N, C-alpha and C. Protein backbone atom coordinates (compact mmCIF):
# COMPACT_ATOMS: atom_id res chain seq x y z
N MET A 1 90.18 392.43 173.76
CA MET A 1 91.23 391.66 173.27
C MET A 1 91.69 390.58 174.38
N LYS A 2 91.64 390.99 175.65
CA LYS A 2 92.00 390.00 176.70
C LYS A 2 90.91 388.92 176.69
N LYS A 3 89.63 389.25 176.48
CA LYS A 3 88.53 388.29 176.62
C LYS A 3 88.79 387.29 175.40
N ILE A 4 89.22 387.73 174.20
CA ILE A 4 89.31 386.79 173.05
C ILE A 4 90.39 385.88 173.39
N PHE A 5 91.61 386.44 173.89
CA PHE A 5 92.75 385.55 174.16
C PHE A 5 92.40 384.59 175.26
N LEU A 6 91.63 385.03 176.34
CA LEU A 6 91.17 384.10 177.39
C LEU A 6 90.32 382.99 176.82
N LEU A 7 89.46 383.30 176.03
CA LEU A 7 88.48 382.32 175.29
C LEU A 7 89.34 381.37 174.50
N PHE A 8 90.24 381.88 173.65
CA PHE A 8 91.06 381.04 172.93
C PHE A 8 91.92 380.04 173.77
N ALA A 9 92.44 380.47 174.90
CA ALA A 9 93.19 379.67 175.89
C ALA A 9 92.38 378.57 176.43
N MET A 10 91.09 378.89 176.79
CA MET A 10 90.21 377.91 177.46
C MET A 10 89.80 376.85 176.49
N VAL A 11 89.45 377.25 175.14
CA VAL A 11 89.30 376.23 174.10
C VAL A 11 90.44 375.36 173.83
N SER A 12 91.60 375.93 173.89
CA SER A 12 92.76 375.10 173.61
C SER A 12 93.11 374.09 174.67
N ILE A 13 92.82 374.49 175.92
CA ILE A 13 92.95 373.63 177.09
C ILE A 13 91.91 372.53 176.97
N ALA A 14 90.67 372.87 176.75
CA ALA A 14 89.55 371.84 176.63
C ALA A 14 89.82 370.88 175.55
N ALA A 15 90.47 371.34 174.48
CA ALA A 15 90.73 370.38 173.27
C ALA A 15 91.85 369.50 173.70
N SER A 16 92.82 369.80 174.43
CA SER A 16 93.97 368.99 174.86
C SER A 16 93.44 368.02 175.84
N VAL A 17 92.33 368.26 176.56
CA VAL A 17 91.87 367.27 177.58
C VAL A 17 91.06 366.26 176.98
N ASN A 18 90.52 366.38 175.79
CA ASN A 18 89.69 365.35 175.18
C ASN A 18 90.47 364.11 174.80
N ALA A 19 89.83 363.00 174.51
CA ALA A 19 90.44 361.80 174.21
C ALA A 19 91.40 361.88 173.00
N GLN A 20 92.55 361.08 173.05
CA GLN A 20 93.33 360.96 171.95
C GLN A 20 93.07 359.64 171.22
N SER A 21 93.25 359.73 169.95
CA SER A 21 93.14 358.45 169.09
C SER A 21 94.40 357.70 169.10
N ASN A 22 94.39 356.41 168.52
CA ASN A 22 95.66 355.64 168.56
C ASN A 22 96.81 356.23 167.86
N ASP A 23 96.62 357.07 166.85
CA ASP A 23 97.62 357.76 166.19
C ASP A 23 98.18 359.05 166.93
N GLY A 24 97.61 359.34 168.06
CA GLY A 24 98.10 360.53 168.87
C GLY A 24 97.39 361.73 168.47
N ALA A 25 96.50 361.70 167.58
CA ALA A 25 95.74 362.96 167.19
C ALA A 25 94.66 363.27 168.20
N VAL A 26 94.47 364.50 168.49
CA VAL A 26 93.41 364.86 169.53
C VAL A 26 92.14 364.71 168.85
N GLU A 27 91.18 363.94 169.64
CA GLU A 27 89.82 363.66 169.08
C GLU A 27 88.81 364.40 170.01
N PHE A 28 88.16 365.39 169.37
CA PHE A 28 87.13 366.23 170.17
C PHE A 28 85.83 365.44 170.29
N LEU A 29 85.37 365.29 171.53
CA LEU A 29 84.12 364.67 171.71
C LEU A 29 83.13 365.71 172.33
N PRO A 30 81.95 366.01 171.77
CA PRO A 30 81.07 366.97 172.42
C PRO A 30 80.53 366.37 173.53
N PRO A 31 80.06 367.27 174.58
CA PRO A 31 79.40 366.73 175.77
C PRO A 31 78.30 365.79 175.50
N GLY A 32 77.95 364.94 176.37
CA GLY A 32 76.94 363.91 176.24
C GLY A 32 77.42 362.46 175.95
N PRO A 33 76.50 361.68 175.65
CA PRO A 33 76.87 360.19 175.38
C PRO A 33 77.46 360.10 173.90
N HIS A 34 78.28 359.19 173.67
CA HIS A 34 78.96 358.87 172.51
C HIS A 34 79.20 357.45 172.27
N ILE A 35 78.73 356.87 171.10
CA ILE A 35 78.82 355.40 170.94
C ILE A 35 80.03 355.11 170.00
N LYS A 36 80.93 354.16 170.51
CA LYS A 36 82.18 353.83 169.75
C LYS A 36 82.22 352.36 169.52
N PHE A 37 82.11 351.79 168.38
CA PHE A 37 82.24 350.41 168.08
C PHE A 37 83.67 349.94 167.95
N SER A 38 84.08 348.71 168.45
CA SER A 38 85.26 348.29 168.38
C SER A 38 85.54 347.80 166.85
N ILE A 39 84.54 347.27 166.33
CA ILE A 39 84.59 346.82 164.90
C ILE A 39 83.24 347.26 164.22
N GLU A 40 83.38 347.90 163.08
CA GLU A 40 82.11 348.50 162.43
C GLU A 40 81.67 347.60 161.36
N SER A 41 82.38 346.52 160.91
CA SER A 41 82.03 345.72 159.82
C SER A 41 82.56 344.36 160.10
N HIS A 42 81.58 343.33 159.76
CA HIS A 42 82.00 341.91 159.92
C HIS A 42 81.78 341.17 158.64
N ASP A 43 82.71 340.43 158.16
CA ASP A 43 82.58 339.63 156.96
C ASP A 43 82.44 338.15 157.36
N PHE A 44 81.42 337.45 157.04
CA PHE A 44 81.24 336.11 157.36
C PHE A 44 81.92 335.16 156.32
N GLY A 45 82.29 335.76 155.20
CA GLY A 45 82.90 335.02 154.25
C GLY A 45 81.85 334.20 153.36
N ASP A 46 82.14 333.04 152.87
CA ASP A 46 81.28 332.14 152.18
C ASP A 46 80.38 331.41 153.17
N ILE A 47 79.12 331.46 152.89
CA ILE A 47 78.18 330.62 153.69
C ILE A 47 77.13 329.93 152.61
N THR A 48 76.48 328.94 153.08
CA THR A 48 75.63 328.23 152.20
C THR A 48 74.21 328.80 152.43
N GLN A 49 73.44 328.77 151.26
CA GLN A 49 72.09 329.31 151.31
C GLN A 49 71.33 328.48 152.35
N GLY A 50 70.61 329.24 153.15
CA GLY A 50 69.78 328.61 154.28
C GLY A 50 70.47 328.63 155.65
N ASP A 51 71.82 328.95 155.65
CA ASP A 51 72.51 329.07 156.94
C ASP A 51 72.10 330.29 157.72
N LYS A 52 72.11 330.16 158.98
CA LYS A 52 71.76 331.37 159.84
C LYS A 52 73.27 331.61 160.50
N VAL A 53 73.57 332.84 160.47
CA VAL A 53 74.96 333.18 161.07
C VAL A 53 74.68 334.47 162.06
N SER A 54 75.48 334.46 163.07
CA SER A 54 75.41 335.54 164.09
C SER A 54 76.69 336.31 164.30
N TYR A 55 76.69 337.47 164.73
CA TYR A 55 77.80 338.27 165.09
C TYR A 55 77.46 339.21 166.16
N THR A 56 78.42 339.51 167.13
CA THR A 56 78.16 340.32 168.13
C THR A 56 79.07 341.65 168.08
N PHE A 57 78.35 342.84 167.85
CA PHE A 57 79.08 344.03 167.73
C PHE A 57 79.25 344.54 169.05
N GLU A 58 80.45 344.86 169.48
CA GLU A 58 80.76 345.44 170.92
C GLU A 58 81.02 346.97 170.74
N PHE A 59 80.37 347.70 171.69
CA PHE A 59 80.54 349.10 171.70
C PHE A 59 80.86 349.70 173.14
N THR A 60 81.37 350.96 173.17
CA THR A 60 81.59 351.50 174.42
C THR A 60 80.90 352.88 174.47
N ASN A 61 80.28 353.29 175.56
CA ASN A 61 79.87 354.70 175.61
C ASN A 61 81.12 355.53 176.12
N ASP A 62 81.76 356.14 175.21
CA ASP A 62 83.06 356.91 175.60
C ASP A 62 82.70 358.42 175.79
N GLY A 63 81.40 358.71 175.93
CA GLY A 63 80.94 359.96 176.28
C GLY A 63 80.88 360.31 177.87
N ASP A 64 80.17 361.35 178.14
CA ASP A 64 80.19 361.73 179.64
C ASP A 64 78.84 361.65 180.16
N ALA A 65 77.85 361.00 179.51
CA ALA A 65 76.44 360.94 179.97
C ALA A 65 75.87 359.55 179.60
N PRO A 66 74.90 359.05 180.24
CA PRO A 66 74.30 357.77 179.89
C PRO A 66 73.83 357.70 178.45
N LEU A 67 74.06 356.55 177.80
CA LEU A 67 73.78 356.27 176.36
C LEU A 67 72.54 355.31 176.37
N ILE A 68 71.47 355.77 175.64
CA ILE A 68 70.27 355.08 175.52
C ILE A 68 70.04 354.72 174.00
N LEU A 69 70.00 353.46 173.70
CA LEU A 69 69.64 352.97 172.37
C LEU A 69 68.17 352.96 172.18
N SER A 70 67.63 353.85 171.36
CA SER A 70 66.15 353.87 171.13
C SER A 70 65.66 352.84 170.12
N ASN A 71 66.52 352.50 169.20
CA ASN A 71 66.02 351.54 168.16
C ASN A 71 67.36 351.04 167.38
N VAL A 72 67.26 349.86 166.87
CA VAL A 72 68.25 349.28 166.05
C VAL A 72 67.49 348.71 164.74
N LYS A 73 67.69 349.39 163.56
CA LYS A 73 67.02 349.02 162.35
C LYS A 73 67.88 348.32 161.44
N THR A 74 67.33 347.40 160.70
CA THR A 74 68.08 346.55 159.68
C THR A 74 67.48 346.81 158.29
N THR A 75 68.15 346.44 157.27
CA THR A 75 67.75 346.65 155.93
C THR A 75 66.60 345.74 155.50
N CYS A 76 66.43 344.56 156.13
CA CYS A 76 65.38 343.62 155.77
C CYS A 76 65.10 342.67 156.86
N GLY A 77 64.11 341.99 156.72
CA GLY A 77 63.61 341.02 157.83
C GLY A 77 64.51 339.86 157.92
N CYS A 78 65.54 339.67 157.05
CA CYS A 78 66.34 338.54 157.11
C CYS A 78 67.49 338.73 158.18
N THR A 79 67.51 339.98 158.64
CA THR A 79 68.54 340.33 159.70
C THR A 79 67.89 340.75 160.93
N ALA A 80 68.15 340.12 162.16
CA ALA A 80 67.53 340.43 163.35
C ALA A 80 68.47 340.85 164.43
N PRO A 81 68.29 342.08 165.06
CA PRO A 81 69.19 342.56 166.00
C PRO A 81 68.54 342.41 167.40
N SER A 82 69.47 342.26 168.34
CA SER A 82 69.05 342.32 169.81
C SER A 82 70.00 343.38 170.35
N TRP A 83 69.44 344.19 171.23
CA TRP A 83 70.26 345.27 171.77
C TRP A 83 69.78 345.52 173.28
N PRO A 84 70.62 346.21 174.09
CA PRO A 84 70.35 346.55 175.43
C PRO A 84 69.30 347.65 175.50
N ARG A 85 68.35 347.47 176.40
CA ARG A 85 67.30 348.52 176.61
C ARG A 85 67.54 349.43 177.75
N GLU A 86 68.52 349.02 178.64
CA GLU A 86 68.85 349.85 179.85
C GLU A 86 69.93 350.79 179.39
N PRO A 87 70.08 352.02 180.07
CA PRO A 87 71.10 353.01 179.76
C PRO A 87 72.52 352.34 179.98
N ILE A 88 73.42 352.76 179.08
CA ILE A 88 74.90 352.27 179.22
C ILE A 88 75.59 353.59 179.75
N MET A 89 76.12 353.39 180.88
CA MET A 89 76.79 354.46 181.57
C MET A 89 78.19 354.89 180.92
N PRO A 90 78.60 356.12 181.09
CA PRO A 90 79.89 356.46 180.49
C PRO A 90 81.03 355.46 180.93
N GLY A 91 81.80 355.17 179.95
CA GLY A 91 82.97 354.29 180.22
C GLY A 91 82.61 352.80 180.18
N THR A 92 81.35 352.45 180.05
CA THR A 92 80.78 351.17 180.08
C THR A 92 80.62 350.54 178.57
N SER A 93 80.79 349.28 178.52
CA SER A 93 80.73 348.59 177.18
C SER A 93 79.46 347.76 177.20
N SER A 94 78.95 347.38 176.00
CA SER A 94 77.80 346.62 175.88
C SER A 94 77.82 345.96 174.43
N LYS A 95 76.80 345.35 174.01
CA LYS A 95 76.87 344.68 172.66
C LYS A 95 75.53 344.76 172.00
N ILE A 96 75.58 344.52 170.74
CA ILE A 96 74.46 344.32 169.85
C ILE A 96 74.61 343.02 169.03
N ASP A 97 73.65 342.11 169.22
CA ASP A 97 73.73 340.91 168.66
C ASP A 97 72.94 340.83 167.34
N VAL A 98 73.55 340.36 166.23
CA VAL A 98 72.94 340.36 164.97
C VAL A 98 72.94 339.04 164.29
N THR A 99 71.77 338.52 164.02
CA THR A 99 71.50 337.21 163.25
C THR A 99 71.10 337.45 161.90
N PHE A 100 71.67 336.82 160.93
CA PHE A 100 71.42 336.89 159.46
C PHE A 100 70.86 335.43 159.01
N ASN A 101 69.79 335.44 158.37
CA ASN A 101 69.15 334.28 157.83
C ASN A 101 69.26 334.32 156.36
N SER A 102 70.13 333.45 155.75
CA SER A 102 70.36 333.42 154.33
C SER A 102 69.28 332.75 153.49
N THR A 103 68.30 332.19 154.00
CA THR A 103 67.21 331.51 153.29
C THR A 103 66.68 332.40 152.10
N GLY A 104 66.69 331.94 150.94
CA GLY A 104 66.22 332.52 149.74
C GLY A 104 67.14 333.69 149.15
N LYS A 105 68.30 333.78 149.78
CA LYS A 105 69.26 334.81 149.23
C LYS A 105 70.36 333.97 148.44
N ILE A 106 71.01 334.74 147.59
CA ILE A 106 72.19 334.19 146.87
C ILE A 106 73.14 335.31 146.45
N GLY A 107 74.37 335.02 146.50
CA GLY A 107 75.40 335.95 146.05
C GLY A 107 75.90 336.84 147.09
N HIS A 108 76.71 337.93 146.79
CA HIS A 108 77.28 338.84 147.68
C HIS A 108 76.16 339.72 148.43
N THR A 109 76.21 339.72 149.75
CA THR A 109 75.17 340.41 150.51
C THR A 109 75.95 341.37 151.51
N ASN A 110 75.30 342.59 151.61
CA ASN A 110 75.84 343.65 152.50
C ASN A 110 74.64 344.29 153.23
N LYS A 111 74.56 343.93 154.54
CA LYS A 111 73.46 344.34 155.33
C LYS A 111 73.90 345.47 156.34
N VAL A 112 73.14 346.50 156.39
CA VAL A 112 73.54 347.73 157.16
C VAL A 112 72.50 347.72 158.46
N ILE A 113 73.23 347.84 159.57
CA ILE A 113 72.42 347.97 160.87
C ILE A 113 72.47 349.38 161.35
N THR A 114 71.32 350.14 161.48
CA THR A 114 71.42 351.54 161.96
C THR A 114 70.96 351.55 163.41
N ILE A 115 71.90 352.25 164.17
CA ILE A 115 71.71 352.28 165.60
C ILE A 115 71.25 353.76 165.82
N MET A 116 69.87 353.88 166.37
CA MET A 116 69.36 355.11 166.88
C MET A 116 69.60 355.22 168.34
N SER A 117 70.05 356.42 168.74
CA SER A 117 70.32 356.64 170.30
C SER A 117 70.35 358.15 170.49
N ASN A 118 70.71 358.39 171.77
CA ASN A 118 70.80 359.79 172.19
C ASN A 118 72.25 360.35 172.10
N ALA A 119 73.12 359.51 171.48
CA ALA A 119 74.53 359.80 171.30
C ALA A 119 74.73 361.02 170.41
N SER A 120 75.81 361.62 170.58
CA SER A 120 76.21 362.87 169.79
C SER A 120 76.52 362.45 168.38
N ASN A 121 76.86 361.17 168.16
CA ASN A 121 77.06 360.67 166.84
C ASN A 121 75.91 359.78 166.24
N ASN A 122 74.68 360.21 166.49
CA ASN A 122 73.57 359.58 166.13
C ASN A 122 73.01 359.99 164.61
N PRO A 123 72.56 359.07 163.81
CA PRO A 123 72.69 357.70 164.02
C PRO A 123 74.05 357.05 163.65
N GLU A 124 74.37 355.91 164.16
CA GLU A 124 75.60 355.20 163.81
C GLU A 124 75.15 353.92 163.11
N THR A 125 76.06 353.41 162.19
CA THR A 125 75.84 352.23 161.50
C THR A 125 76.95 351.17 161.68
N VAL A 126 76.67 349.91 161.54
CA VAL A 126 77.54 348.77 161.45
C VAL A 126 77.10 347.91 160.30
N LYS A 127 77.88 347.06 159.82
CA LYS A 127 77.28 346.16 158.64
C LYS A 127 77.96 344.82 158.83
N ILE A 128 77.17 343.81 158.19
CA ILE A 128 77.70 342.52 158.00
C ILE A 128 77.75 342.20 156.48
N VAL A 129 78.69 341.44 156.06
CA VAL A 129 78.87 341.12 154.71
C VAL A 129 79.05 339.64 154.53
N THR A 130 78.52 339.08 153.50
CA THR A 130 78.71 337.64 153.32
C THR A 130 78.54 337.33 151.87
N ASN A 131 78.94 336.21 151.39
CA ASN A 131 78.81 335.61 150.04
C ASN A 131 78.02 334.36 150.23
N ILE A 132 76.78 334.34 149.60
CA ILE A 132 75.88 333.06 149.79
C ILE A 132 76.04 332.19 148.63
N LEU A 133 76.49 330.98 148.91
CA LEU A 133 76.71 330.03 147.88
C LEU A 133 75.42 329.19 147.75
N PRO A 134 75.06 328.67 146.68
CA PRO A 134 73.78 327.90 146.49
C PRO A 134 73.90 326.61 147.15
N LYS A 135 72.79 326.17 147.67
CA LYS A 135 72.80 324.82 148.40
C LYS A 135 73.08 323.73 147.36
N THR A 136 73.99 322.85 147.78
CA THR A 136 74.28 321.72 146.93
C THR A 136 73.37 320.57 147.33
N SER A 137 72.92 319.77 146.24
CA SER A 137 72.07 318.66 146.60
C SER A 137 72.90 317.50 147.02
N GLU A 138 72.39 316.56 147.73
CA GLU A 138 73.15 315.38 148.28
C GLU A 138 73.52 314.49 147.10
N THR A 139 72.90 314.54 145.92
CA THR A 139 73.11 313.67 144.86
C THR A 139 74.39 314.16 144.02
N ASP A 140 74.85 315.35 144.30
CA ASP A 140 75.94 315.80 143.69
C ASP A 140 77.26 315.18 144.31
N SER A 141 77.18 314.62 145.39
CA SER A 141 78.37 314.08 146.04
C SER A 141 79.08 312.90 145.40
């Protein structure tokens, strides 16, 4: 019985030491690297067909071991990611740059970027959203 009580006390103490979220709730992070994005979705709003737009997703390794991104996949060739190849140390921030080419696209578009890593929350996703308007001809002016 004493062993069970001791185990319960140790778990309770460990949980109280973990990070707290903005609303004050305790957030349990397992050991190892953990990727946390400051923003998980970006809306470009209306763009014109043929426009190339870019956004930088910033993230932090809020775990306790080096984070290694092994791959960043997109839903199609119209979206190109660029990501760090070196380990991101605990407490350090980095970024993933994403460029979307709207050539040949029209209407509401939602592109998901999947981040593969050694993080405890692998895989993680972010997304870009936009509404692509048709190109207007110069004779319409």
